[in-house]
C-alpha atoms as a PDB file:
ATOM      1  CA  VAL A   1     113.361 155.562 121.691  1.00  0.00           C
ATOM      2  CA  GLU A   2     114.322 158.627 119.693  1.00  0.00           C
ATOM      3  CA  ILE A   3     111.626 161.317 119.491  1.00  0.00           C
ATOM      4  CA  ASP A   4     110.204 162.135 116.044  1.00  0.00           C
ATOM      5  CA  PRO A   5     110.522 165.946 115.781  1.00  0.00           C
ATOM      6  CA  ASN A   6     107.303 166.034 113.704  1.00  0.00           C
ATOM      7  CA  GLY A   7     105.266 163.821 116.051  1.00  0.00           C
ATOM      8  CA  ILE A   8     103.073 164.503 119.071  1.00  0.00           C
ATOM      9  CA  PHE A   9     105.753 163.972 121.722  1.00  0.00           C
ATOM     10  CA  PRO A  10     107.721 167.218 121.144  1.00  0.00           C
ATOM     11  CA  TYR A  11     104.402 169.103 121.118  1.00  0.00           C
ATOM     12  CA  LEU A  12     103.745 167.691 124.597  1.00  0.00           C
ATOM     13  CA  GLY A  13     107.228 168.621 125.810  1.00  0.00           C
ATOM     14  CA  ILE A  14     108.548 165.048 125.808  1.00  0.00           C
ATOM     15  CA  GLN A  15     112.301 164.913 125.210  1.00  0.00           C
ATOM     16  CA  ASP A  16     114.770 162.211 124.147  1.00  0.00           C
ATOM     17  CA  GLY A  17     115.579 160.159 127.235  1.00  0.00           C
ATOM     18  CA  ASP A  18     112.225 160.784 128.963  1.00  0.00           C
ATOM     19  CA  THR A  19     110.248 157.764 130.146  1.00  0.00           C
ATOM     20  CA  ILE A  20     106.447 157.925 130.154  1.00  0.00           C
ATOM     21  CA  THR A  21     105.462 156.075 133.323  1.00  0.00           C
ATOM     22  CA  SER A  22     101.682 156.626 133.286  1.00  0.00           C
ATOM     23  CA  ILE A  23      98.868 158.029 131.163  1.00  0.00           C
ATOM     24  CA  ASN A  24      95.771 159.347 132.941  1.00  0.00           C
ATOM     25  CA  GLY A  25      96.924 157.558 136.089  1.00  0.00           C
ATOM     26  CA  LYS A  26      97.338 154.167 134.375  1.00  0.00           C
ATOM     27  CA  PRO A  27     100.869 152.745 134.742  1.00  0.00           C
ATOM     28  CA  ILE A  28     102.645 152.075 131.447  1.00  0.00           C
ATOM     29  CA  TYR A  29     104.735 148.935 131.022  1.00  0.00           C
ATOM     30  CA  SER A  30     105.507 148.960 127.284  1.00  0.00           C
ATOM     31  CA  LEU A  31     105.889 151.273 124.302  1.00  0.00           C
ATOM     32  CA  ASN A  32     102.904 149.542 122.659  1.00  0.00           C
ATOM     33  CA  GLU A  33     100.652 150.749 125.500  1.00  0.00           C
ATOM     34  CA  VAL A  34     101.864 154.325 125.015  1.00  0.00           C
ATOM     35  CA  MET A  35     101.284 154.248 121.256  1.00  0.00           C
ATOM     36  CA  ASN A  36      97.836 152.659 121.677  1.00  0.00           C
ATOM     37  CA  LEU A  37      96.687 155.335 124.125  1.00  0.00           C
ATOM     38  CA  PHE A  38      98.122 158.182 122.051  1.00  0.00           C
ATOM     39  CA  GLY A  39      96.222 156.797 119.057  1.00  0.00           C
ATOM     40  CA  ARG A  40      93.001 157.636 120.957  1.00  0.00           C
ATOM     41  CA  ILE A  41      94.068 161.135 122.054  1.00  0.00           C
ATOM     42  CA  ARG A  42      91.540 162.787 119.717  1.00  0.00           C
ATOM     43  CA  ASN A  43      88.739 161.470 121.924  1.00  0.00           C
ATOM     44  CA  MET A  44      90.169 162.894 125.162  1.00  0.00           C
ATOM     45  CA  ASP A  45      89.458 166.245 126.822  1.00  0.00           C
ATOM     46  CA  GLN A  46      92.198 165.928 129.449  1.00  0.00           C
ATOM     47  CA  LEU A  47      95.538 164.159 129.448  1.00  0.00           C
ATOM     48  CA  SER A  48      97.840 163.474 132.376  1.00  0.00           C
ATOM     49  CA  LEU A  49     101.322 162.070 131.781  1.00  0.00           C
ATOM     50  CA  GLY A  50     103.673 160.667 134.394  1.00  0.00           C
ATOM     51  CA  ILE A  51     107.200 161.335 133.140  1.00  0.00           C
ATOM     52  CA  LYS A  52     110.605 160.357 134.448  1.00  0.00           C
ATOM     53  CA  ARG A  53     113.377 162.716 133.298  1.00  0.00           C
ATOM     54  CA  ASP A  54     116.945 162.493 134.588  1.00  0.00           C
ATOM     55  CA  GLY A  55     115.783 160.317 137.503  1.00  0.00           C
ATOM     56  CA  THR A  56     113.062 162.748 138.597  1.00  0.00           C
ATOM     57  CA  ASP A  57     109.348 161.897 138.390  1.00  0.00           C
ATOM     58  CA  SER A  58     106.865 164.576 137.369  1.00  0.00           C
ATOM     59  CA  ASN A  59     103.269 164.782 136.246  1.00  0.00           C
ATOM     60  CA  GLN A  60     102.216 166.882 133.246  1.00  0.00           C
ATOM     61  CA  GLU A  61      98.589 167.936 132.785  1.00  0.00           C
ATOM     62  CA  TYR A  62      97.132 168.919 129.405  1.00  0.00           C
ATOM     63  CA  SER A  63      93.731 170.206 128.243  1.00  0.00           C
ATOM     64  CA  ILE A  64      92.857 169.137 124.724  1.00  0.00           C
ATOM     65  CA  SER A  65      90.899 171.552 122.552  1.00  0.00           C
ATOM     66  CA  LYS A  66      88.897 170.195 119.676  1.00  0.00           C
END
């Protein structure tokens, strides 16, 4: 899926071609799961994303200020 340059993904450092594999330790199996969880981001204090980029897995940690 192409990244919307005005959306949340570029702010989080997500790039075109990245695959989000987990959110807060929960495995992700569909784009609908990703969008559903990101819709609730305002209620989170911490966010952890599992990301696959160019065949390499990494974990990104974020603190959310309100």
